[in-house]
PDB file of all heavy atoms in Angstrom:
ATOM      1  N   PRO A   1     -29.648   5.984  -1.642  1.00  0.00           N
ATOM      2  CA  PRO A   1     -30.988   5.949  -2.249  1.00  0.00           C
ATOM      3  C   PRO A   1     -31.811   7.139  -1.752  1.00  0.00           C
ATOM      4  O   PRO A   1     -32.016   7.302  -0.552  1.00  0.00           O
ATOM      5  CB  PRO A   1     -31.566   4.621  -1.751  1.00  0.00           C
ATOM      6  CG  PRO A   1     -30.400   3.814  -1.296  1.00  0.00           C
ATOM      7  CD  PRO A   1     -29.392   4.801  -0.797  1.00  0.00           C
ATOM      8  N   MET A   2     -32.262   7.990  -2.658  1.00  0.00           N
ATOM      9  CA  MET A   2     -32.988   9.197  -2.292  1.00  0.00           C
ATOM     10  C   MET A   2     -34.165   9.387  -3.245  1.00  0.00           C
ATOM     11  O   MET A   2     -34.156   8.912  -4.381  1.00  0.00           O
ATOM     12  CB  MET A   2     -32.075  10.429  -2.374  1.00  0.00           C
ATOM     13  CG  MET A   2     -30.820  10.357  -1.534  1.00  0.00           C
ATOM     14  SD  MET A   2     -31.127  10.502   0.227  1.00  0.00           S
ATOM     15  CE  MET A   2     -31.586  12.231   0.337  1.00  0.00           C
ATOM     16  N   LEU A   3     -35.194  10.132  -2.776  1.00  0.00           N
ATOM     17  CA  LEU A   3     -36.304  10.483  -3.658  1.00  0.00           C
ATOM     18  C   LEU A   3     -35.829  11.444  -4.743  1.00  0.00           C
ATOM     19  O   LEU A   3     -36.282  11.403  -5.882  1.00  0.00           O
ATOM     20  CB  LEU A   3     -37.437  11.109  -2.850  1.00  0.00           C
ATOM     21  CG  LEU A   3     -38.159  10.168  -1.877  1.00  0.00           C
ATOM     22  CD1 LEU A   3     -39.198  10.951  -1.080  1.00  0.00           C
ATOM     23  CD2 LEU A   3     -38.822   9.020  -2.627  1.00  0.00           C
ATOM     24  N   LYS A   4     -34.907  12.332  -4.383  1.00  0.00           N
ATOM     25  CA  LYS A   4     -34.312  13.246  -5.348  1.00  0.00           C
ATOM     26  C   LYS A   4     -32.921  12.733  -5.696  1.00  0.00           C
ATOM     27  O   LYS A   4     -32.071  12.592  -4.827  1.00  0.00           O
ATOM     28  CB  LYS A   4     -34.213  14.657  -4.769  1.00  0.00           C
ATOM     29  CG  LYS A   4     -35.546  15.353  -4.560  1.00  0.00           C
ATOM     30  CD  LYS A   4     -35.328  16.784  -4.108  1.00  0.00           C
ATOM     31  CE  LYS A   4     -36.649  17.541  -4.011  1.00  0.00           C
ATOM     32  NZ  LYS A   4     -36.457  18.951  -3.617  1.00  0.00           N
ATOM     33  N   GLY A   5     -32.695  12.460  -6.968  1.00  0.00           N
ATOM     34  CA  GLY A   5     -31.404  11.936  -7.377  1.00  0.00           C
ATOM     35  C   GLY A   5     -30.487  13.007  -7.914  1.00  0.00           C
ATOM     36  O   GLY A   5     -30.903  14.121  -8.221  1.00  0.00           O
ATOM     37  N   SER A   6     -29.229  12.675  -8.044  1.00  0.00           N
ATOM     38  CA  SER A   6     -28.262  13.575  -8.643  1.00  0.00           C
ATOM     39  C   SER A   6     -28.267  13.394 -10.154  1.00  0.00           C
ATOM     40  O   SER A   6     -28.845  12.446 -10.692  1.00  0.00           O
ATOM     41  CB  SER A   6     -26.877  13.309  -8.066  1.00  0.00           C
ATOM     42  OG  SER A   6     -26.551  11.937  -8.176  1.00  0.00           O
ATOM     43  N   THR A   7     -27.628  14.298 -10.861  1.00  0.00           N
ATOM     44  CA  THR A   7     -27.576  14.229 -12.318  1.00  0.00           C
ATOM     45  C   THR A   7     -26.154  14.502 -12.790  1.00  0.00           C
ATOM     46  O   THR A   7     -25.428  15.312 -12.204  1.00  0.00           O
ATOM     47  CB  THR A   7     -28.527  15.249 -12.973  1.00  0.00           C
ATOM     48  OG1 THR A   7     -28.144  16.568 -12.592  1.00  0.00           O
ATOM     49  CG2 THR A   7     -29.956  15.010 -12.548  1.00  0.00           C
ATOM     50  N   ASP A   8     -25.771  13.814 -13.867  1.00  0.00           N
ATOM     51  CA  ASP A   8     -24.485  14.031 -14.514  1.00  0.00           C
ATOM     52  C   ASP A   8     -23.319  13.837 -13.549  1.00  0.00           C
ATOM     53  O   ASP A   8     -22.662  14.790 -13.119  1.00  0.00           O
ATOM     54  CB  ASP A   8     -24.437  15.423 -15.145  1.00  0.00           C
ATOM     55  CG  ASP A   8     -25.466  15.585 -16.252  1.00  0.00           C
ATOM     56  OD1 ASP A   8     -25.912  14.563 -16.788  1.00  0.00           O
ATOM     57  OD2 ASP A   8     -25.826  16.733 -16.560  1.00  0.00           O
ATOM     58  N   ILE A   9     -23.050  12.587 -13.239  1.00  0.00           N
ATOM     59  CA  ILE A   9     -21.930  12.216 -12.375  1.00  0.00           C
ATOM     60  C   ILE A   9     -20.906  11.468 -13.227  1.00  0.00           C
ATOM     61  O   ILE A   9     -21.252  10.524 -13.947  1.00  0.00           O
ATOM     62  CB  ILE A   9     -22.387  11.307 -11.214  1.00  0.00           C
ATOM     63  CG1 ILE A   9     -23.568  11.932 -10.471  1.00  0.00           C
ATOM     64  CG2 ILE A   9     -21.227  11.027 -10.273  1.00  0.00           C
ATOM     65  CD1 ILE A   9     -23.279  13.254  -9.817  1.00  0.00           C
ATOM     66  N   HIS A  10     -19.666  11.886 -13.142  1.00  0.00           N
ATOM     67  CA  HIS A  10     -18.605  11.293 -13.954  1.00  0.00           C
ATOM     68  C   HIS A  10     -17.487  10.841 -13.014  1.00  0.00           C
ATOM     69  O   HIS A  10     -16.858  11.660 -12.351  1.00  0.00           O
ATOM     70  CB  HIS A  10     -18.084  12.329 -14.957  1.00  0.00           C
ATOM     71  CG  HIS A  10     -17.265  11.731 -16.060  1.00  0.00           C
ATOM     72  ND1 HIS A  10     -16.904  12.423 -17.179  1.00  0.00           N
ATOM     73  CD2 HIS A  10     -16.733  10.487 -16.209  1.00  0.00           C
ATOM     74  CE1 HIS A  10     -16.198  11.652 -17.986  1.00  0.00           C
ATOM     75  NE2 HIS A  10     -16.068  10.471 -17.404  1.00  0.00           N
ATOM     76  N   VAL A  11     -17.234   9.522 -12.975  1.00  0.00           N
ATOM     77  CA  VAL A  11     -16.178   8.944 -12.141  1.00  0.00           C
ATOM     78  C   VAL A  11     -15.135   8.361 -13.081  1.00  0.00           C
ATOM     79  O   VAL A  11     -15.369   7.331 -13.726  1.00  0.00           O
ATOM     80  CB  VAL A  11     -16.747   7.856 -11.198  1.00  0.00           C
ATOM     81  CG1 VAL A  11     -15.645   7.313 -10.296  1.00  0.00           C
ATOM     82  CG2 VAL A  11     -17.900   8.409 -10.370  1.00  0.00           C
ATOM     83  N   SER A  12     -13.992   9.014 -13.196  1.00  0.00           N
ATOM     84  CA  SER A  12     -13.051   8.669 -14.260  1.00  0.00           C
ATOM     85  C   SER A  12     -11.603   8.718 -13.794  1.00  0.00           C
ATOM     86  O   SER A  12     -11.215   9.589 -13.004  1.00  0.00           O
ATOM     87  CB  SER A  12     -13.237   9.649 -15.424  1.00  0.00           C
ATOM     88  OG  SER A  12     -12.324   9.393 -16.455  1.00  0.00           O
ATOM     89  N   ASP A  13     -10.796   7.762 -14.284  1.00  0.00           N
ATOM     90  CA  ASP A  13      -9.336   7.778 -14.129  1.00  0.00           C
ATOM     91  C   ASP A  13      -8.885   7.744 -12.671  1.00  0.00           C
ATOM     92  O   ASP A  13      -7.840   8.300 -12.319  1.00  0.00           O
ATOM     93  CB  ASP A  13      -8.734   9.011 -14.824  1.00  0.00           C
ATOM     94  CG  ASP A  13      -9.006   9.000 -16.316  1.00  0.00           C
ATOM     95  OD1 ASP A  13      -8.600   8.037 -16.984  1.00  0.00           O
ATOM     96  OD2 ASP A  13      -9.649   9.952 -16.809  1.00  0.00           O
ATOM     97  N   ASN A  14      -9.675   7.107 -11.823  1.00  0.00           N
ATOM     98  CA  ASN A  14      -9.311   6.970 -10.418  1.00  0.00           C
ATOM     99  C   ASN A  14      -8.674   5.613 -10.143  1.00  0.00           C
ATOM    100  O   ASN A  14      -8.865   4.648 -10.886  1.00  0.00           O
ATOM    101  CB  ASN A  14     -10.558   7.110  -9.530  1.00  0.00           C
ATOM    102  CG  ASN A  14     -11.260   8.431  -9.739  1.00  0.00           C
ATOM    103  OD1 ASN A  14     -10.836   9.463  -9.240  1.00  0.00           O
ATOM    104  ND2 ASN A  14     -12.365   8.408 -10.496  1.00  0.00           N
ATOM    105  N   VAL A  15      -7.947   5.541  -9.029  1.00  0.00           N
ATOM    106  CA  VAL A  15      -7.515   4.270  -8.458  1.00  0.00           C
ATOM    107  C   VAL A  15      -8.337   4.063  -7.189  1.00  0.00           C
ATOM    108  O   VAL A  15      -8.200   4.815  -6.217  1.00  0.00           O
ATOM    109  CB  VAL A  15      -6.009   4.264  -8.132  1.00  0.00           C
ATOM    110  CG1 VAL A  15      -5.625   2.957  -7.434  1.00  0.00           C
ATOM    111  CG2 VAL A  15      -5.187   4.452  -9.401  1.00  0.00           C
ATOM    112  N   LEU A  16      -9.216   3.060  -7.229  1.00  0.00           N
ATOM    113  CA  LEU A  16     -10.094   2.753  -6.102  1.00  0.00           C
ATOM    114  C   LEU A  16      -9.660   1.388  -5.564  1.00  0.00           C
ATOM    115  O   LEU A  16      -9.594   0.420  -6.317  1.00  0.00           O
ATOM    116  CB  LEU A  16     -11.556   2.724  -6.549  1.00  0.00           C
ATOM    117  CG  LEU A  16     -12.028   3.923  -7.395  1.00  0.00           C
ATOM    118  CD1 LEU A  16     -13.482   3.726  -7.811  1.00  0.00           C
ATOM    119  CD2 LEU A  16     -11.838   5.230  -6.650  1.00  0.00           C
ATOM    120  N   LYS A  17      -9.410   1.308  -4.254  1.00  0.00           N
ATOM    121  CA  LYS A  17      -8.800   0.071  -3.774  1.00  0.00           C
ATOM    122  C   LYS A  17      -9.233  -0.289  -2.352  1.00  0.00           C
ATOM    123  O   LYS A  17      -9.599   0.561  -1.548  1.00  0.00           O
ATOM    124  CB  LYS A  17      -7.278   0.181  -3.833  1.00  0.00           C
ATOM    125  CG  LYS A  17      -6.688   1.326  -3.014  1.00  0.00           C
ATOM    126  CD  LYS A  17      -5.176   1.423  -3.195  1.00  0.00           C
ATOM    127  CE  LYS A  17      -4.592   2.532  -2.332  1.00  0.00           C
ATOM    128  NZ  LYS A  17      -3.118   2.609  -2.482  1.00  0.00           N
ATOM    129  N   ASP A  18      -9.207  -1.601  -2.089  1.00  0.00           N
ATOM    130  CA  ASP A  18      -9.261  -2.167  -0.742  1.00  0.00           C
ATOM    131  C   ASP A  18     -10.437  -1.641   0.083  1.00  0.00           C
ATOM    132  O   ASP A  18     -10.259  -1.163   1.209  1.00  0.00           O
ATOM    133  CB  ASP A  18      -7.938  -1.902   0.002  1.00  0.00           C
ATOM    134  CG  ASP A  18      -6.738  -2.438  -0.761  1.00  0.00           C
ATOM    135  OD1 ASP A  18      -6.906  -3.429  -1.489  1.00  0.00           O
ATOM    136  OD2 ASP A  18      -5.644  -1.850  -0.641  1.00  0.00           O
ATOM    137  N   SER A  19     -11.636  -1.742  -0.478  1.00  0.00           N
ATOM    138  CA  SER A  19     -12.849  -1.289   0.196  1.00  0.00           C
ATOM    139  C   SER A  19     -13.939  -2.351   0.004  1.00  0.00           C
ATOM    140  O   SER A  19     -13.716  -3.375  -0.642  1.00  0.00           O
ATOM    141  CB  SER A  19     -13.300   0.056  -0.371  1.00  0.00           C
ATOM    142  OG  SER A  19     -12.233   0.993  -0.388  1.00  0.00           O
ATOM    143  N   GLU A  20     -15.132  -2.101   0.572  1.00  0.00           N
ATOM    144  CA  GLU A  20     -16.261  -2.979   0.287  1.00  0.00           C
ATOM    145  C   GLU A  20     -16.757  -2.763  -1.148  1.00  0.00           C
ATOM    146  O   GLU A  20     -17.020  -3.713  -1.885  1.00  0.00           O
ATOM    147  CB  GLU A  20     -17.404  -2.724   1.276  1.00  0.00           C
ATOM    148  CG  GLU A  20     -17.147  -3.236   2.682  1.00  0.00           C
ATOM    149  CD  GLU A  20     -17.136  -4.752   2.750  1.00  0.00           C
ATOM    150  OE1 GLU A  20     -17.826  -5.405   1.926  1.00  0.00           O
ATOM    151  OE2 GLU A  20     -16.424  -5.289   3.611  1.00  0.00           O
ATOM    152  N   TYR A  21     -16.895  -1.498  -1.543  1.00  0.00           N
ATOM    153  CA  TYR A  21     -17.385  -1.128  -2.866  1.00  0.00           C
ATOM    154  C   TYR A  21     -16.444  -0.097  -3.485  1.00  0.00           C
ATOM    155  O   TYR A  21     -15.928   0.786  -2.789  1.00  0.00           O
ATOM    156  CB  TYR A  21     -18.784  -0.517  -2.797  1.00  0.00           C
ATOM    157  CG  TYR A  21     -19.842  -1.415  -2.212  1.00  0.00           C
ATOM    158  CD1 TYR A  21     -20.089  -1.420  -0.841  1.00  0.00           C
ATOM    159  CD2 TYR A  21     -20.620  -2.244  -3.026  1.00  0.00           C
ATOM    160  CE1 TYR A  21     -21.066  -2.236  -0.289  1.00  0.00           C
ATOM    161  CE2 TYR A  21     -21.602  -3.061  -2.486  1.00  0.00           C
ATOM    162  CZ  TYR A  21     -21.817  -3.061  -1.118  1.00  0.00           C
ATOM    163  OH  TYR A  21     -22.793  -3.867  -0.576  1.00  0.00           O
ATOM    164  N   GLY A  22     -16.284  -0.196  -4.808  1.00  0.00           N
ATOM    165  CA  GLY A  22     -15.584   0.868  -5.508  1.00  0.00           C
ATOM    166  C   GLY A  22     -16.517   2.036  -5.766  1.00  0.00           C
ATOM    167  O   GLY A  22     -16.368   3.117  -5.206  1.00  0.00           O
ATOM    168  N   VAL A  23     -17.531   1.815  -6.614  1.00  0.00           N
ATOM    169  CA  VAL A  23     -18.543   2.818  -6.927  1.00  0.00           C
ATOM    170  C   VAL A  23     -19.906   2.199  -6.661  1.00  0.00           C
ATOM    171  O   VAL A  23     -20.257   1.181  -7.260  1.00  0.00           O
ATOM    172  CB  VAL A  23     -18.445   3.281  -8.393  1.00  0.00           C
ATOM    173  CG1 VAL A  23     -19.533   4.310  -8.701  1.00  0.00           C
ATOM    174  CG2 VAL A  23     -17.070   3.859  -8.688  1.00  0.00           C
ATOM    175  N   SER A  24     -20.683   2.809  -5.770  1.00  0.00           N
ATOM    176  CA  SER A  24     -21.998   2.285  -5.389  1.00  0.00           C
ATOM    177  C   SER A  24     -23.005   3.427  -5.482  1.00  0.00           C
ATOM    178  O   SER A  24     -23.025   4.324  -4.639  1.00  0.00           O
ATOM    179  CB  SER A  24     -21.948   1.724  -3.957  1.00  0.00           C
ATOM    180  OG  SER A  24     -23.206   1.234  -3.551  1.00  0.00           O
TER     181      SER A  24
END
């Protein structure tokens, strides 16, 4: 969480596993 945010983020075709969060 930031006052300045990022722009245009693309999360695609990944294998995300065995964590607390995949994409947060």
